[in-house]
PDBML (XML) file of the C-alpha atoms, coordinates in Angstrom:
<?xml version="1.0" encoding="UTF-8" ?>
<PDBx:datablock datablockName="MODEL"
   xmlns:PDBx="http://pdbml.pdb.org/schema/pdbx-v50.xsd"
   xmlns:xsi="http://www.w3.org/2001/XMLSchema-instance"
   xsi:schemaLocation="http://pdbml.pdb.org/schema/pdbx-v50.xsd pdbx-v50.xsd">
   <PDBx:atom_siteCategory>
      <PDBx:atom_site id="1">
         <PDBx:B_iso_or_equiv>0.00</PDBx:B_iso_or_equiv>
         <PDBx:Cartn_x>6.377</PDBx:Cartn_x>
         <PDBx:Cartn_y>12.667</PDBx:Cartn_y>
         <PDBx:Cartn_z>6.662</PDBx:Cartn_z>
         <PDBx:auth_asym_id>A</PDBx:auth_asym_id>
         <PDBx:auth_atom_id>CA</PDBx:auth_atom_id>
         <PDBx:auth_comp_id>ARG</PDBx:auth_comp_id>
         <PDBx:auth_seq_id>1</PDBx:auth_seq_id>
         <PDBx:group_PDB>ATOM</PDBx:group_PDB>
         <PDBx:label_alt_id xsi:nil="true" />
         <PDBx:label_asym_id>A</PDBx:label_asym_id>
         <PDBx:label_atom_id>CA</PDBx:label_atom_id>
         <PDBx:label_comp_id>ARG</PDBx:label_comp_id>
         <PDBx:label_entity_id>1</PDBx:label_entity_id>
         <PDBx:label_seq_id>1</PDBx:label_seq_id>
         <PDBx:occupancy>1.00</PDBx:occupancy>
         <PDBx:pdbx_PDB_model_num>1</PDBx:pdbx_PDB_model_num>
         <PDBx:type_symbol>C</PDBx:type_symbol>
      </PDBx:atom_site>
      <PDBx:atom_site id="2">
         <PDBx:B_iso_or_equiv>0.00</PDBx:B_iso_or_equiv>
         <PDBx:Cartn_x>4.884</PDBx:Cartn_x>
         <PDBx:Cartn_y>16.143</PDBx:Cartn_y>
         <PDBx:Cartn_z>6.846</PDBx:Cartn_z>
         <PDBx:auth_asym_id>A</PDBx:auth_asym_id>
         <PDBx:auth_atom_id>CA</PDBx:auth_atom_id>
         <PDBx:auth_comp_id>LEU</PDBx:auth_comp_id>
         <PDBx:auth_seq_id>2</PDBx:auth_seq_id>
         <PDBx:group_PDB>ATOM</PDBx:group_PDB>
         <PDBx:label_alt_id xsi:nil="true" />
         <PDBx:label_asym_id>A</PDBx:label_asym_id>
         <PDBx:label_atom_id>CA</PDBx:label_atom_id>
         <PDBx:label_comp_id>LEU</PDBx:label_comp_id>
         <PDBx:label_entity_id>1</PDBx:label_entity_id>
         <PDBx:label_seq_id>2</PDBx:label_seq_id>
         <PDBx:occupancy>1.00</PDBx:occupancy>
         <PDBx:pdbx_PDB_model_num>1</PDBx:pdbx_PDB_model_num>
         <PDBx:type_symbol>C</PDBx:type_symbol>
      </PDBx:atom_site>
      <PDBx:atom_site id="3">
         <PDBx:B_iso_or_equiv>0.00</PDBx:B_iso_or_equiv>
         <PDBx:Cartn_x>1.627</PDBx:Cartn_x>
         <PDBx:Cartn_y>16.598</PDBx:Cartn_y>
         <PDBx:Cartn_z>8.640</PDBx:Cartn_z>
         <PDBx:auth_asym_id>A</PDBx:auth_asym_id>
         <PDBx:auth_atom_id>CA</PDBx:auth_atom_id>
         <PDBx:auth_comp_id>MET</PDBx:auth_comp_id>
         <PDBx:auth_seq_id>3</PDBx:auth_seq_id>
         <PDBx:group_PDB>ATOM</PDBx:group_PDB>
         <PDBx:label_alt_id xsi:nil="true" />
         <PDBx:label_asym_id>A</PDBx:label_asym_id>
         <PDBx:label_atom_id>CA</PDBx:label_atom_id>
         <PDBx:label_comp_id>MET</PDBx:label_comp_id>
         <PDBx:label_entity_id>1</PDBx:label_entity_id>
         <PDBx:label_seq_id>3</PDBx:label_seq_id>
         <PDBx:occupancy>1.00</PDBx:occupancy>
         <PDBx:pdbx_PDB_model_num>1</PDBx:pdbx_PDB_model_num>
         <PDBx:type_symbol>C</PDBx:type_symbol>
      </PDBx:atom_site>
      <PDBx:atom_site id="4">
         <PDBx:B_iso_or_equiv>0.00</PDBx:B_iso_or_equiv>
         <PDBx:Cartn_x>-0.713</PDBx:Cartn_x>
         <PDBx:Cartn_y>19.110</PDBx:Cartn_y>
         <PDBx:Cartn_z>6.982</PDBx:Cartn_z>
         <PDBx:auth_asym_id>A</PDBx:auth_asym_id>
         <PDBx:auth_atom_id>CA</PDBx:auth_atom_id>
         <PDBx:auth_comp_id>LYS</PDBx:auth_comp_id>
         <PDBx:auth_seq_id>4</PDBx:auth_seq_id>
         <PDBx:group_PDB>ATOM</PDBx:group_PDB>
         <PDBx:label_alt_id xsi:nil="true" />
         <PDBx:label_asym_id>A</PDBx:label_asym_id>
         <PDBx:label_atom_id>CA</PDBx:label_atom_id>
         <PDBx:label_comp_id>LYS</PDBx:label_comp_id>
         <PDBx:label_entity_id>1</PDBx:label_entity_id>
         <PDBx:label_seq_id>4</PDBx:label_seq_id>
         <PDBx:occupancy>1.00</PDBx:occupancy>
         <PDBx:pdbx_PDB_model_num>1</PDBx:pdbx_PDB_model_num>
         <PDBx:type_symbol>C</PDBx:type_symbol>
      </PDBx:atom_site>
      <PDBx:atom_site id="5">
         <PDBx:B_iso_or_equiv>0.00</PDBx:B_iso_or_equiv>
         <PDBx:Cartn_x>-4.036</PDBx:Cartn_x>
         <PDBx:Cartn_y>18.352</PDBx:Cartn_y>
         <PDBx:Cartn_z>8.706</PDBx:Cartn_z>
         <PDBx:auth_asym_id>A</PDBx:auth_asym_id>
         <PDBx:auth_atom_id>CA</PDBx:auth_atom_id>
         <PDBx:auth_comp_id>GLU</PDBx:auth_comp_id>
         <PDBx:auth_seq_id>5</PDBx:auth_seq_id>
         <PDBx:group_PDB>ATOM</PDBx:group_PDB>
         <PDBx:label_alt_id xsi:nil="true" />
         <PDBx:label_asym_id>A</PDBx:label_asym_id>
         <PDBx:label_atom_id>CA</PDBx:label_atom_id>
         <PDBx:label_comp_id>GLU</PDBx:label_comp_id>
         <PDBx:label_entity_id>1</PDBx:label_entity_id>
         <PDBx:label_seq_id>5</PDBx:label_seq_id>
         <PDBx:occupancy>1.00</PDBx:occupancy>
         <PDBx:pdbx_PDB_model_num>1</PDBx:pdbx_PDB_model_num>
         <PDBx:type_symbol>C</PDBx:type_symbol>
      </PDBx:atom_site>
      <PDBx:atom_site id="6">
         <PDBx:B_iso_or_equiv>0.00</PDBx:B_iso_or_equiv>
         <PDBx:Cartn_x>-5.492</PDBx:Cartn_x>
         <PDBx:Cartn_y>17.678</PDBx:Cartn_y>
         <PDBx:Cartn_z>12.039</PDBx:Cartn_z>
         <PDBx:auth_asym_id>A</PDBx:auth_asym_id>
         <PDBx:auth_atom_id>CA</PDBx:auth_atom_id>
         <PDBx:auth_comp_id>GLY</PDBx:auth_comp_id>
         <PDBx:auth_seq_id>6</PDBx:auth_seq_id>
         <PDBx:group_PDB>ATOM</PDBx:group_PDB>
         <PDBx:label_alt_id xsi:nil="true" />
         <PDBx:label_asym_id>A</PDBx:label_asym_id>
         <PDBx:label_atom_id>CA</PDBx:label_atom_id>
         <PDBx:label_comp_id>GLY</PDBx:label_comp_id>
         <PDBx:label_entity_id>1</PDBx:label_entity_id>
         <PDBx:label_seq_id>6</PDBx:label_seq_id>
         <PDBx:occupancy>1.00</PDBx:occupancy>
         <PDBx:pdbx_PDB_model_num>1</PDBx:pdbx_PDB_model_num>
         <PDBx:type_symbol>C</PDBx:type_symbol>
      </PDBx:atom_site>
      <PDBx:atom_site id="7">
         <PDBx:B_iso_or_equiv>0.00</PDBx:B_iso_or_equiv>
         <PDBx:Cartn_x>-3.764</PDBx:Cartn_x>
         <PDBx:Cartn_y>17.877</PDBx:Cartn_y>
         <PDBx:Cartn_z>15.470</PDBx:Cartn_z>
         <PDBx:auth_asym_id>A</PDBx:auth_asym_id>
         <PDBx:auth_atom_id>CA</PDBx:auth_atom_id>
         <PDBx:auth_comp_id>ARG</PDBx:auth_comp_id>
         <PDBx:auth_seq_id>7</PDBx:auth_seq_id>
         <PDBx:group_PDB>ATOM</PDBx:group_PDB>
         <PDBx:label_alt_id xsi:nil="true" />
         <PDBx:label_asym_id>A</PDBx:label_asym_id>
         <PDBx:label_atom_id>CA</PDBx:label_atom_id>
         <PDBx:label_comp_id>ARG</PDBx:label_comp_id>
         <PDBx:label_entity_id>1</PDBx:label_entity_id>
         <PDBx:label_seq_id>7</PDBx:label_seq_id>
         <PDBx:occupancy>1.00</PDBx:occupancy>
         <PDBx:pdbx_PDB_model_num>1</PDBx:pdbx_PDB_model_num>
         <PDBx:type_symbol>C</PDBx:type_symbol>
      </PDBx:atom_site>
      <PDBx:atom_site id="8">
         <PDBx:B_iso_or_equiv>0.00</PDBx:B_iso_or_equiv>
         <PDBx:Cartn_x>-0.364</PDBx:Cartn_x>
         <PDBx:Cartn_y>16.977</PDBx:Cartn_y>
         <PDBx:Cartn_z>13.968</PDBx:Cartn_z>
         <PDBx:auth_asym_id>A</PDBx:auth_asym_id>
         <PDBx:auth_atom_id>CA</PDBx:auth_atom_id>
         <PDBx:auth_comp_id>MET</PDBx:auth_comp_id>
         <PDBx:auth_seq_id>8</PDBx:auth_seq_id>
         <PDBx:group_PDB>ATOM</PDBx:group_PDB>
         <PDBx:label_alt_id xsi:nil="true" />
         <PDBx:label_asym_id>A</PDBx:label_asym_id>
         <PDBx:label_atom_id>CA</PDBx:label_atom_id>
         <PDBx:label_comp_id>MET</PDBx:label_comp_id>
         <PDBx:label_entity_id>1</PDBx:label_entity_id>
         <PDBx:label_seq_id>8</PDBx:label_seq_id>
         <PDBx:occupancy>1.00</PDBx:occupancy>
         <PDBx:pdbx_PDB_model_num>1</PDBx:pdbx_PDB_model_num>
         <PDBx:type_symbol>C</PDBx:type_symbol>
      </PDBx:atom_site>
      <PDBx:atom_site id="9">
         <PDBx:B_iso_or_equiv>0.00</PDBx:B_iso_or_equiv>
         <PDBx:Cartn_x>-0.486</PDBx:Cartn_x>
         <PDBx:Cartn_y>19.880</PDBx:Cartn_y>
         <PDBx:Cartn_z>11.535</PDBx:Cartn_z>
         <PDBx:auth_asym_id>A</PDBx:auth_asym_id>
         <PDBx:auth_atom_id>CA</PDBx:auth_atom_id>
         <PDBx:auth_comp_id>LYS</PDBx:auth_comp_id>
         <PDBx:auth_seq_id>9</PDBx:auth_seq_id>
         <PDBx:group_PDB>ATOM</PDBx:group_PDB>
         <PDBx:label_alt_id xsi:nil="true" />
         <PDBx:label_asym_id>A</PDBx:label_asym_id>
         <PDBx:label_atom_id>CA</PDBx:label_atom_id>
         <PDBx:label_comp_id>LYS</PDBx:label_comp_id>
         <PDBx:label_entity_id>1</PDBx:label_entity_id>
         <PDBx:label_seq_id>9</PDBx:label_seq_id>
         <PDBx:occupancy>1.00</PDBx:occupancy>
         <PDBx:pdbx_PDB_model_num>1</PDBx:pdbx_PDB_model_num>
         <PDBx:type_symbol>C</PDBx:type_symbol>
      </PDBx:atom_site>
      <PDBx:atom_site id="10">
         <PDBx:B_iso_or_equiv>0.00</PDBx:B_iso_or_equiv>
         <PDBx:Cartn_x>2.840</PDBx:Cartn_x>
         <PDBx:Cartn_y>21.878</PDBx:Cartn_y>
         <PDBx:Cartn_z>11.451</PDBx:Cartn_z>
         <PDBx:auth_asym_id>A</PDBx:auth_asym_id>
         <PDBx:auth_atom_id>CA</PDBx:auth_atom_id>
         <PDBx:auth_comp_id>GLY</PDBx:auth_comp_id>
         <PDBx:auth_seq_id>10</PDBx:auth_seq_id>
         <PDBx:group_PDB>ATOM</PDBx:group_PDB>
         <PDBx:label_alt_id xsi:nil="true" />
         <PDBx:label_asym_id>A</PDBx:label_asym_id>
         <PDBx:label_atom_id>CA</PDBx:label_atom_id>
         <PDBx:label_comp_id>GLY</PDBx:label_comp_id>
         <PDBx:label_entity_id>1</PDBx:label_entity_id>
         <PDBx:label_seq_id>10</PDBx:label_seq_id>
         <PDBx:occupancy>1.00</PDBx:occupancy>
         <PDBx:pdbx_PDB_model_num>1</PDBx:pdbx_PDB_model_num>
         <PDBx:type_symbol>C</PDBx:type_symbol>
      </PDBx:atom_site>
      <PDBx:atom_site id="11">
         <PDBx:B_iso_or_equiv>0.00</PDBx:B_iso_or_equiv>
         <PDBx:Cartn_x>4.841</PDBx:Cartn_x>
         <PDBx:Cartn_y>18.806</PDBx:Cartn_y>
         <PDBx:Cartn_z>12.436</PDBx:Cartn_z>
         <PDBx:auth_asym_id>A</PDBx:auth_asym_id>
         <PDBx:auth_atom_id>CA</PDBx:auth_atom_id>
         <PDBx:auth_comp_id>GLN</PDBx:auth_comp_id>
         <PDBx:auth_seq_id>11</PDBx:auth_seq_id>
         <PDBx:group_PDB>ATOM</PDBx:group_PDB>
         <PDBx:label_alt_id xsi:nil="true" />
         <PDBx:label_asym_id>A</PDBx:label_asym_id>
         <PDBx:label_atom_id>CA</PDBx:label_atom_id>
         <PDBx:label_comp_id>GLN</PDBx:label_comp_id>
         <PDBx:label_entity_id>1</PDBx:label_entity_id>
         <PDBx:label_seq_id>11</PDBx:label_seq_id>
         <PDBx:occupancy>1.00</PDBx:occupancy>
         <PDBx:pdbx_PDB_model_num>1</PDBx:pdbx_PDB_model_num>
         <PDBx:type_symbol>C</PDBx:type_symbol>
      </PDBx:atom_site>
      <PDBx:atom_site id="12">
         <PDBx:B_iso_or_equiv>0.00</PDBx:B_iso_or_equiv>
         <PDBx:Cartn_x>6.988</PDBx:Cartn_x>
         <PDBx:Cartn_y>16.354</PDBx:Cartn_y>
         <PDBx:Cartn_z>10.594</PDBx:Cartn_z>
         <PDBx:auth_asym_id>A</PDBx:auth_asym_id>
         <PDBx:auth_atom_id>CA</PDBx:auth_atom_id>
         <PDBx:auth_comp_id>ALA</PDBx:auth_comp_id>
         <PDBx:auth_seq_id>12</PDBx:auth_seq_id>
         <PDBx:group_PDB>ATOM</PDBx:group_PDB>
         <PDBx:label_alt_id xsi:nil="true" />
         <PDBx:label_asym_id>A</PDBx:label_asym_id>
         <PDBx:label_atom_id>CA</PDBx:label_atom_id>
         <PDBx:label_comp_id>ALA</PDBx:label_comp_id>
         <PDBx:label_entity_id>1</PDBx:label_entity_id>
         <PDBx:label_seq_id>12</PDBx:label_seq_id>
         <PDBx:occupancy>1.00</PDBx:occupancy>
         <PDBx:pdbx_PDB_model_num>1</PDBx:pdbx_PDB_model_num>
         <PDBx:type_symbol>C</PDBx:type_symbol>
      </PDBx:atom_site>
      <PDBx:atom_site id="13">
         <PDBx:B_iso_or_equiv>0.00</PDBx:B_iso_or_equiv>
         <PDBx:Cartn_x>8.972</PDBx:Cartn_x>
         <PDBx:Cartn_y>13.098</PDBx:Cartn_y>
         <PDBx:Cartn_z>11.123</PDBx:Cartn_z>
         <PDBx:auth_asym_id>A</PDBx:auth_asym_id>
         <PDBx:auth_atom_id>CA</PDBx:auth_atom_id>
         <PDBx:auth_comp_id>PHE</PDBx:auth_comp_id>
         <PDBx:auth_seq_id>13</PDBx:auth_seq_id>
         <PDBx:group_PDB>ATOM</PDBx:group_PDB>
         <PDBx:label_alt_id xsi:nil="true" />
         <PDBx:label_asym_id>A</PDBx:label_asym_id>
         <PDBx:label_atom_id>CA</PDBx:label_atom_id>
         <PDBx:label_comp_id>PHE</PDBx:label_comp_id>
         <PDBx:label_entity_id>1</PDBx:label_entity_id>
         <PDBx:label_seq_id>13</PDBx:label_seq_id>
         <PDBx:occupancy>1.00</PDBx:occupancy>
         <PDBx:pdbx_PDB_model_num>1</PDBx:pdbx_PDB_model_num>
         <PDBx:type_symbol>C</PDBx:type_symbol>
      </PDBx:atom_site>
      <PDBx:atom_site id="14">
         <PDBx:B_iso_or_equiv>0.00</PDBx:B_iso_or_equiv>
         <PDBx:Cartn_x>12.149</PDBx:Cartn_x>
         <PDBx:Cartn_y>12.694</PDBx:Cartn_y>
         <PDBx:Cartn_z>9.194</PDBx:Cartn_z>
         <PDBx:auth_asym_id>A</PDBx:auth_asym_id>
         <PDBx:auth_atom_id>CA</PDBx:auth_atom_id>
         <PDBx:auth_comp_id>ILE</PDBx:auth_comp_id>
         <PDBx:auth_seq_id>14</PDBx:auth_seq_id>
         <PDBx:group_PDB>ATOM</PDBx:group_PDB>
         <PDBx:label_alt_id xsi:nil="true" />
         <PDBx:label_asym_id>A</PDBx:label_asym_id>
         <PDBx:label_atom_id>CA</PDBx:label_atom_id>
         <PDBx:label_comp_id>ILE</PDBx:label_comp_id>
         <PDBx:label_entity_id>1</PDBx:label_entity_id>
         <PDBx:label_seq_id>14</PDBx:label_seq_id>
         <PDBx:occupancy>1.00</PDBx:occupancy>
         <PDBx:pdbx_PDB_model_num>1</PDBx:pdbx_PDB_model_num>
         <PDBx:type_symbol>C</PDBx:type_symbol>
      </PDBx:atom_site>
      <PDBx:atom_site id="15">
         <PDBx:B_iso_or_equiv>0.00</PDBx:B_iso_or_equiv>
         <PDBx:Cartn_x>14.046</PDBx:Cartn_x>
         <PDBx:Cartn_y>9.435</PDBx:Cartn_y>
         <PDBx:Cartn_z>8.862</PDBx:Cartn_z>
         <PDBx:auth_asym_id>A</PDBx:auth_asym_id>
         <PDBx:auth_atom_id>CA</PDBx:auth_atom_id>
         <PDBx:auth_comp_id>GLY</PDBx:auth_comp_id>
         <PDBx:auth_seq_id>15</PDBx:auth_seq_id>
         <PDBx:group_PDB>ATOM</PDBx:group_PDB>
         <PDBx:label_alt_id xsi:nil="true" />
         <PDBx:label_asym_id>A</PDBx:label_asym_id>
         <PDBx:label_atom_id>CA</PDBx:label_atom_id>
         <PDBx:label_comp_id>GLY</PDBx:label_comp_id>
         <PDBx:label_entity_id>1</PDBx:label_entity_id>
         <PDBx:label_seq_id>15</PDBx:label_seq_id>
         <PDBx:occupancy>1.00</PDBx:occupancy>
         <PDBx:pdbx_PDB_model_num>1</PDBx:pdbx_PDB_model_num>
         <PDBx:type_symbol>C</PDBx:type_symbol>
      </PDBx:atom_site>
      <PDBx:atom_site id="16">
         <PDBx:B_iso_or_equiv>0.00</PDBx:B_iso_or_equiv>
         <PDBx:Cartn_x>17.862</PDBx:Cartn_x>
         <PDBx:Cartn_y>9.781</PDBx:Cartn_y>
         <PDBx:Cartn_z>8.338</PDBx:Cartn_z>
         <PDBx:auth_asym_id>A</PDBx:auth_asym_id>
         <PDBx:auth_atom_id>CA</PDBx:auth_atom_id>
         <PDBx:auth_comp_id>LEU</PDBx:auth_comp_id>
         <PDBx:auth_seq_id>16</PDBx:auth_seq_id>
         <PDBx:group_PDB>ATOM</PDBx:group_PDB>
         <PDBx:label_alt_id xsi:nil="true" />
         <PDBx:label_asym_id>A</PDBx:label_asym_id>
         <PDBx:label_atom_id>CA</PDBx:label_atom_id>
         <PDBx:label_comp_id>LEU</PDBx:label_comp_id>
         <PDBx:label_entity_id>1</PDBx:label_entity_id>
         <PDBx:label_seq_id>16</PDBx:label_seq_id>
         <PDBx:occupancy>1.00</PDBx:occupancy>
         <PDBx:pdbx_PDB_model_num>1</PDBx:pdbx_PDB_model_num>
         <PDBx:type_symbol>C</PDBx:type_symbol>
      </PDBx:atom_site>
      <PDBx:atom_site id="17">
         <PDBx:B_iso_or_equiv>0.00</PDBx:B_iso_or_equiv>
         <PDBx:Cartn_x>20.431</PDBx:Cartn_x>
         <PDBx:Cartn_y>7.043</PDBx:Cartn_y>
         <PDBx:Cartn_z>7.462</PDBx:Cartn_z>
         <PDBx:auth_asym_id>A</PDBx:auth_asym_id>
         <PDBx:auth_atom_id>CA</PDBx:auth_atom_id>
         <PDBx:auth_comp_id>PRO</PDBx:auth_comp_id>
         <PDBx:auth_seq_id>17</PDBx:auth_seq_id>
         <PDBx:group_PDB>ATOM</PDBx:group_PDB>
         <PDBx:label_alt_id xsi:nil="true" />
         <PDBx:label_asym_id>A</PDBx:label_asym_id>
         <PDBx:label_atom_id>CA</PDBx:label_atom_id>
         <PDBx:label_comp_id>PRO</PDBx:label_comp_id>
         <PDBx:label_entity_id>1</PDBx:label_entity_id>
         <PDBx:label_seq_id>17</PDBx:label_seq_id>
         <PDBx:occupancy>1.00</PDBx:occupancy>
         <PDBx:pdbx_PDB_model_num>1</PDBx:pdbx_PDB_model_num>
         <PDBx:type_symbol>C</PDBx:type_symbol>
      </PDBx:atom_site>
      <PDBx:atom_site id="18">
         <PDBx:B_iso_or_equiv>0.00</PDBx:B_iso_or_equiv>
         <PDBx:Cartn_x>21.935</PDBx:Cartn_x>
         <PDBx:Cartn_y>6.720</PDBx:Cartn_y>
         <PDBx:Cartn_z>10.952</PDBx:Cartn_z>
         <PDBx:auth_asym_id>A</PDBx:auth_asym_id>
         <PDBx:auth_atom_id>CA</PDBx:auth_atom_id>
         <PDBx:auth_comp_id>ASN</PDBx:auth_comp_id>
         <PDBx:auth_seq_id>18</PDBx:auth_seq_id>
         <PDBx:group_PDB>ATOM</PDBx:group_PDB>
         <PDBx:label_alt_id xsi:nil="true" />
         <PDBx:label_asym_id>A</PDBx:label_asym_id>
         <PDBx:label_atom_id>CA</PDBx:label_atom_id>
         <PDBx:label_comp_id>ASN</PDBx:label_comp_id>
         <PDBx:label_entity_id>1</PDBx:label_entity_id>
         <PDBx:label_seq_id>18</PDBx:label_seq_id>
         <PDBx:occupancy>1.00</PDBx:occupancy>
         <PDBx:pdbx_PDB_model_num>1</PDBx:pdbx_PDB_model_num>
         <PDBx:type_symbol>C</PDBx:type_symbol>
      </PDBx:atom_site>
      <PDBx:atom_site id="19">
         <PDBx:B_iso_or_equiv>0.00</PDBx:B_iso_or_equiv>
         <PDBx:Cartn_x>22.006</PDBx:Cartn_x>
         <PDBx:Cartn_y>8.170</PDBx:Cartn_y>
         <PDBx:Cartn_z>14.563</PDBx:Cartn_z>
         <PDBx:auth_asym_id>A</PDBx:auth_asym_id>
         <PDBx:auth_atom_id>CA</PDBx:auth_atom_id>
         <PDBx:auth_comp_id>GLU</PDBx:auth_comp_id>
         <PDBx:auth_seq_id>19</PDBx:auth_seq_id>
         <PDBx:group_PDB>ATOM</PDBx:group_PDB>
         <PDBx:label_alt_id xsi:nil="true" />
         <PDBx:label_asym_id>A</PDBx:label_asym_id>
         <PDBx:label_atom_id>CA</PDBx:label_atom_id>
         <PDBx:label_comp_id>GLU</PDBx:label_comp_id>
         <PDBx:label_entity_id>1</PDBx:label_entity_id>
         <PDBx:label_seq_id>19</PDBx:label_seq_id>
         <PDBx:occupancy>1.00</PDBx:occupancy>
         <PDBx:pdbx_PDB_model_num>1</PDBx:pdbx_PDB_model_num>
         <PDBx:type_symbol>C</PDBx:type_symbol>
      </PDBx:atom_site>
      <PDBx:atom_site id="20">
         <PDBx:B_iso_or_equiv>0.00</PDBx:B_iso_or_equiv>
         <PDBx:Cartn_x>25.054</PDBx:Cartn_x>
         <PDBx:Cartn_y>10.276</PDBx:Cartn_y>
         <PDBx:Cartn_z>13.751</PDBx:Cartn_z>
         <PDBx:auth_asym_id>A</PDBx:auth_asym_id>
         <PDBx:auth_atom_id>CA</PDBx:auth_atom_id>
         <PDBx:auth_comp_id>LYS</PDBx:auth_comp_id>
         <PDBx:auth_seq_id>20</PDBx:auth_seq_id>
         <PDBx:group_PDB>ATOM</PDBx:group_PDB>
         <PDBx:label_alt_id xsi:nil="true" />
         <PDBx:label_asym_id>A</PDBx:label_asym_id>
         <PDBx:label_atom_id>CA</PDBx:label_atom_id>
         <PDBx:label_comp_id>LYS</PDBx:label_comp_id>
         <PDBx:label_entity_id>1</PDBx:label_entity_id>
         <PDBx:label_seq_id>20</PDBx:label_seq_id>
         <PDBx:occupancy>1.00</PDBx:occupancy>
         <PDBx:pdbx_PDB_model_num>1</PDBx:pdbx_PDB_model_num>
         <PDBx:type_symbol>C</PDBx:type_symbol>
      </PDBx:atom_site>
      <PDBx:atom_site id="21">
         <PDBx:B_iso_or_equiv>0.00</PDBx:B_iso_or_equiv>
         <PDBx:Cartn_x>23.316</PDBx:Cartn_x>
         <PDBx:Cartn_y>12.060</PDBx:Cartn_y>
         <PDBx:Cartn_z>10.885</PDBx:Cartn_z>
         <PDBx:auth_asym_id>A</PDBx:auth_asym_id>
         <PDBx:auth_atom_id>CA</PDBx:auth_atom_id>
         <PDBx:auth_comp_id>ALA</PDBx:auth_comp_id>
         <PDBx:auth_seq_id>21</PDBx:auth_seq_id>
         <PDBx:group_PDB>ATOM</PDBx:group_PDB>
         <PDBx:label_alt_id xsi:nil="true" />
         <PDBx:label_asym_id>A</PDBx:label_asym_id>
         <PDBx:label_atom_id>CA</PDBx:label_atom_id>
         <PDBx:label_comp_id>ALA</PDBx:label_comp_id>
         <PDBx:label_entity_id>1</PDBx:label_entity_id>
         <PDBx:label_seq_id>21</PDBx:label_seq_id>
         <PDBx:occupancy>1.00</PDBx:occupancy>
         <PDBx:pdbx_PDB_model_num>1</PDBx:pdbx_PDB_model_num>
         <PDBx:type_symbol>C</PDBx:type_symbol>
      </PDBx:atom_site>
      <PDBx:atom_site id="22">
         <PDBx:B_iso_or_equiv>0.00</PDBx:B_iso_or_equiv>
         <PDBx:Cartn_x>20.269</PDBx:Cartn_x>
         <PDBx:Cartn_y>12.629</PDBx:Cartn_y>
         <PDBx:Cartn_z>12.966</PDBx:Cartn_z>
         <PDBx:auth_asym_id>A</PDBx:auth_asym_id>
         <PDBx:auth_atom_id>CA</PDBx:auth_atom_id>
         <PDBx:auth_comp_id>ALA</PDBx:auth_comp_id>
         <PDBx:auth_seq_id>22</PDBx:auth_seq_id>
         <PDBx:group_PDB>ATOM</PDBx:group_PDB>
         <PDBx:label_alt_id xsi:nil="true" />
         <PDBx:label_asym_id>A</PDBx:label_asym_id>
         <PDBx:label_atom_id>CA</PDBx:label_atom_id>
         <PDBx:label_comp_id>ALA</PDBx:label_comp_id>
         <PDBx:label_entity_id>1</PDBx:label_entity_id>
         <PDBx:label_seq_id>22</PDBx:label_seq_id>
         <PDBx:occupancy>1.00</PDBx:occupancy>
         <PDBx:pdbx_PDB_model_num>1</PDBx:pdbx_PDB_model_num>
         <PDBx:type_symbol>C</PDBx:type_symbol>
      </PDBx:atom_site>
      <PDBx:atom_site id="23">
         <PDBx:B_iso_or_equiv>0.00</PDBx:B_iso_or_equiv>
         <PDBx:Cartn_x>22.329</PDBx:Cartn_x>
         <PDBx:Cartn_y>14.074</PDBx:Cartn_y>
         <PDBx:Cartn_z>15.836</PDBx:Cartn_z>
         <PDBx:auth_asym_id>A</PDBx:auth_asym_id>
         <PDBx:auth_atom_id>CA</PDBx:auth_atom_id>
         <PDBx:auth_comp_id>ALA</PDBx:auth_comp_id>
         <PDBx:auth_seq_id>23</PDBx:auth_seq_id>
         <PDBx:group_PDB>ATOM</PDBx:group_PDB>
         <PDBx:label_alt_id xsi:nil="true" />
         <PDBx:label_asym_id>A</PDBx:label_asym_id>
         <PDBx:label_atom_id>CA</PDBx:label_atom_id>
         <PDBx:label_comp_id>ALA</PDBx:label_comp_id>
         <PDBx:label_entity_id>1</PDBx:label_entity_id>
         <PDBx:label_seq_id>23</PDBx:label_seq_id>
         <PDBx:occupancy>1.00</PDBx:occupancy>
         <PDBx:pdbx_PDB_model_num>1</PDBx:pdbx_PDB_model_num>
         <PDBx:type_symbol>C</PDBx:type_symbol>
      </PDBx:atom_site>
      <PDBx:atom_site id="24">
         <PDBx:B_iso_or_equiv>0.00</PDBx:B_iso_or_equiv>
         <PDBx:Cartn_x>24.098</PDBx:Cartn_x>
         <PDBx:Cartn_y>16.422</PDBx:Cartn_y>
         <PDBx:Cartn_z>13.421</PDBx:Cartn_z>
         <PDBx:auth_asym_id>A</PDBx:auth_asym_id>
         <PDBx:auth_atom_id>CA</PDBx:auth_atom_id>
         <PDBx:auth_comp_id>LYS</PDBx:auth_comp_id>
         <PDBx:auth_seq_id>24</PDBx:auth_seq_id>
         <PDBx:group_PDB>ATOM</PDBx:group_PDB>
         <PDBx:label_alt_id xsi:nil="true" />
         <PDBx:label_asym_id>A</PDBx:label_asym_id>
         <PDBx:label_atom_id>CA</PDBx:label_atom_id>
         <PDBx:label_comp_id>LYS</PDBx:label_comp_id>
         <PDBx:label_entity_id>1</PDBx:label_entity_id>
         <PDBx:label_seq_id>24</PDBx:label_seq_id>
         <PDBx:occupancy>1.00</PDBx:occupancy>
         <PDBx:pdbx_PDB_model_num>1</PDBx:pdbx_PDB_model_num>
         <PDBx:type_symbol>C</PDBx:type_symbol>
      </PDBx:atom_site>
      <PDBx:atom_site id="25">
         <PDBx:B_iso_or_equiv>0.00</PDBx:B_iso_or_equiv>
         <PDBx:Cartn_x>20.748</PDBx:Cartn_x>
         <PDBx:Cartn_y>17.511</PDBx:Cartn_y>
         <PDBx:Cartn_z>11.908</PDBx:Cartn_z>
         <PDBx:auth_asym_id>A</PDBx:auth_asym_id>
         <PDBx:auth_atom_id>CA</PDBx:auth_atom_id>
         <PDBx:auth_comp_id>ALA</PDBx:auth_comp_id>
         <PDBx:auth_seq_id>25</PDBx:auth_seq_id>
         <PDBx:group_PDB>ATOM</PDBx:group_PDB>
         <PDBx:label_alt_id xsi:nil="true" />
         <PDBx:label_asym_id>A</PDBx:label_asym_id>
         <PDBx:label_atom_id>CA</PDBx:label_atom_id>
         <PDBx:label_comp_id>ALA</PDBx:label_comp_id>
         <PDBx:label_entity_id>1</PDBx:label_entity_id>
         <PDBx:label_seq_id>25</PDBx:label_seq_id>
         <PDBx:occupancy>1.00</PDBx:occupancy>
         <PDBx:pdbx_PDB_model_num>1</PDBx:pdbx_PDB_model_num>
         <PDBx:type_symbol>C</PDBx:type_symbol>
      </PDBx:atom_site>
   </PDBx:atom_siteCategory>
</PDBx:datablock>
């Protein structure tokens, strides 16, 4: 989820398969 407008512009939320993958990322 990439934010392109408003106050959240330049930010993103990325869902990964599990906590281990997120920690490595």
